[in-house]
Protein backbone atom coordinates (compact mmCIF):
# COMPACT_ATOMS: atom_id res chain seq x y z
CA UNK A 1 8.40 -17.15 4.06
CA UNK A 2 5.15 -17.23 2.06
CA UNK A 3 3.61 -19.61 4.55
CA UNK A 4 4.23 -17.33 7.53
CA UNK A 5 2.90 -14.33 5.68
CA UNK A 6 -0.23 -16.16 4.52
CA UNK A 7 -1.12 -17.09 8.08
CA UNK A 8 -0.26 -13.65 9.45
CA UNK A 9 -2.32 -11.84 6.80
CA UNK A 10 -5.29 -14.20 7.19
CA UNK A 11 -5.26 -13.66 10.95
CA UNK A 12 -5.11 -9.87 10.53
CA UNK A 13 -8.38 -10.12 8.60
CA UNK A 14 -9.82 -12.29 11.39
CA UNK A 15 -10.59 -14.97 8.81
CA UNK A 16 -10.65 -18.65 9.59
CA UNK A 17 -8.88 -20.99 7.19
CA UNK A 18 -12.31 -21.99 5.93
CA UNK A 19 -13.32 -18.38 5.22
CA UNK A 20 -10.05 -17.65 3.42
CA UNK A 21 -10.36 -20.84 1.39
CA UNK A 22 -13.89 -19.84 0.34
CA UNK A 23 -12.63 -16.42 -0.80
CA UNK A 24 -9.89 -18.12 -2.83
CA UNK A 25 -12.33 -20.68 -4.28
CA UNK A 26 -10.39 -23.64 -2.90
CA UNK A 27 -11.03 -26.23 -0.21
CA UNK A 28 -10.13 -25.60 3.41
CA UNK A 29 -7.88 -28.64 3.26
CA UNK A 30 -5.91 -27.23 0.32
CA UNK A 31 -5.57 -23.85 2.02
CA UNK A 32 -4.38 -25.52 5.23
CA UNK A 33 -1.68 -27.36 3.29
CA UNK A 34 -0.47 -24.07 1.77
CA UNK A 35 -0.41 -22.29 5.11
CA UNK A 36 1.47 -25.12 6.84
CA UNK A 37 4.01 -25.30 4.02
CA UNK A 38 3.14 -28.85 3.03
CA UNK A 39 2.22 -27.71 -0.47
CA UNK A 40 3.17 -24.66 -2.56
CA UNK A 41 0.20 -22.54 -3.67
CA UNK A 42 -0.07 -21.99 -7.43
CA UNK A 43 0.44 -18.50 -8.79
CA UNK A 44 -3.24 -17.84 -9.38
CA UNK A 45 -3.96 -18.53 -5.69
CA UNK A 46 -1.07 -16.29 -4.60
CA UNK A 47 -2.33 -13.51 -6.87
CA UNK A 48 -5.87 -13.79 -5.48
CA UNK A 49 -4.52 -13.93 -1.92
CA UNK A 50 -2.37 -10.81 -2.44
CA UNK A 51 -5.32 -8.98 -3.98
CA UNK A 52 -7.67 -10.01 -1.19
CA UNK A 53 -5.23 -8.99 1.56
CA UNK A 54 -4.13 -5.88 -0.38
CA UNK A 55 -0.41 -6.58 -0.24
CA UNK A 56 2.15 -6.74 -3.01
CA UNK A 57 3.27 -10.09 -4.37
CA UNK A 58 6.82 -9.16 -3.35
CA UNK A 59 5.68 -8.81 0.26
CA UNK A 60 3.71 -12.05 0.16
CA UNK A 61 6.69 -13.94 -1.26
CA UNK A 62 9.09 -12.44 1.27
CA UNK A 63 11.02 -10.44 -1.33
CA UNK A 64 10.16 -7.10 0.27
CA UNK A 65 9.08 -5.70 3.59
CA UNK A 66 6.93 -3.14 1.76
CA UNK A 67 3.26 -4.15 1.93
CA UNK A 68 1.91 -1.50 -0.40
CA UNK A 69 0.02 -2.73 -3.41
CA UNK A 70 -0.27 -0.06 -6.09
CA UNK A 71 -3.31 0.14 -8.32
CA UNK A 72 -2.78 0.56 -12.09
CA UNK A 73 -3.22 4.35 -11.93
CA UNK A 74 -0.56 4.65 -9.22
CA UNK A 75 1.79 2.39 -11.19
CA UNK A 76 1.33 4.58 -14.27
CA UNK A 77 2.07 7.75 -12.27
CA UNK A 78 5.27 6.25 -10.91
CA UNK A 79 6.40 5.15 -14.39
CA UNK A 80 5.74 8.64 -15.78
CA UNK A 81 7.50 10.30 -12.83
CA UNK A 82 10.57 8.09 -13.24
CA UNK A 83 10.73 8.94 -16.94
CA UNK A 84 11.17 12.65 -16.14
CA UNK A 85 14.53 14.33 -15.63
CA UNK A 86 15.37 15.91 -12.25
CA UNK A 87 13.84 19.26 -13.22
CA UNK A 88 10.59 17.61 -14.26
CA UNK A 89 10.46 15.54 -11.08
CA UNK A 90 11.07 18.61 -8.91
CA UNK A 91 8.29 20.43 -10.74
CA UNK A 92 5.88 17.55 -10.12
CA UNK A 93 6.83 17.40 -6.42
CA UNK A 94 6.20 21.14 -6.05
CA UNK A 95 2.81 20.81 -7.77
CA UNK A 96 1.86 17.88 -5.53
CA UNK A 97 2.89 19.83 -2.43
CA UNK A 98 0.74 22.74 -3.55
CA UNK A 99 -2.29 20.54 -4.31
CA UNK A 100 -1.86 18.67 -1.04
CA UNK A 101 -1.83 21.92 0.90
CA UNK A 102 -4.93 23.14 -0.88
CA UNK A 103 -6.71 19.91 -0.03
CA UNK A 104 -5.62 20.29 3.58
CA UNK A 105 -6.96 23.81 3.81
CA UNK A 106 -10.32 23.10 2.18
CA UNK A 107 -10.95 19.56 3.36
CA UNK A 108 -13.44 18.69 6.07
CA UNK A 109 -11.04 15.93 7.10
CA UNK A 110 -8.37 18.26 8.48
CA UNK A 111 -8.80 17.04 12.02
CA UNK A 112 -8.77 13.38 11.00
CA UNK A 113 -5.58 13.80 8.98
CA UNK A 114 -3.81 16.35 11.16
CA UNK A 115 -0.97 13.92 11.85
CA UNK A 116 -0.01 14.12 8.17
CA UNK A 117 0.94 17.77 8.33
CA UNK A 118 3.29 20.04 10.21
CA UNK A 119 1.86 21.00 13.57
CA UNK A 120 2.50 24.69 12.86
CA UNK A 121 -0.45 27.14 12.73
CA UNK A 122 1.65 29.56 10.66
CA UNK A 123 2.39 26.96 8.01
CA UNK A 124 1.85 28.29 4.48
CA UNK A 125 2.16 27.10 0.92
CA UNK A 126 5.39 29.03 0.62
CA UNK A 127 7.09 27.50 3.68
CA UNK A 128 10.68 26.70 2.55
CA UNK A 129 10.91 23.87 5.08
CA UNK A 130 7.86 22.08 3.70
CA UNK A 131 8.51 18.78 1.98
CA UNK A 132 6.68 15.58 1.18
CA UNK A 133 9.03 13.81 3.61
CA UNK A 134 7.17 15.45 6.50
CA UNK A 135 3.93 13.84 5.37
CA UNK A 136 3.06 10.24 5.98
């Protein structure tokens, strides 16, 4: 599974094997062996590859279909959120919804990000139907 994902991700970047190998500080021959499955890449190469292509190691190794790679700040926020009880989590979600709406109203990127929000001109911060599930 790693082999298929390595090739797919390299091609999405429009990199040749030689370019990817240079980014990973290895020879083109070594990279070609990894991509064809004739040799297993060491962990340090996999880590660099995942970082370069901005995917999670789980995705690269075929353990997940989720490509998202969280930065340390995002990881910390998730750990803190999970440590809260339901009331605390609901409070954080409400605060995020409020902040997100404020950003939407005062951002110059409203038109670029319009697909993220309800397509309702009467939408307000106090809309009972508003939820984070409607975003993204």
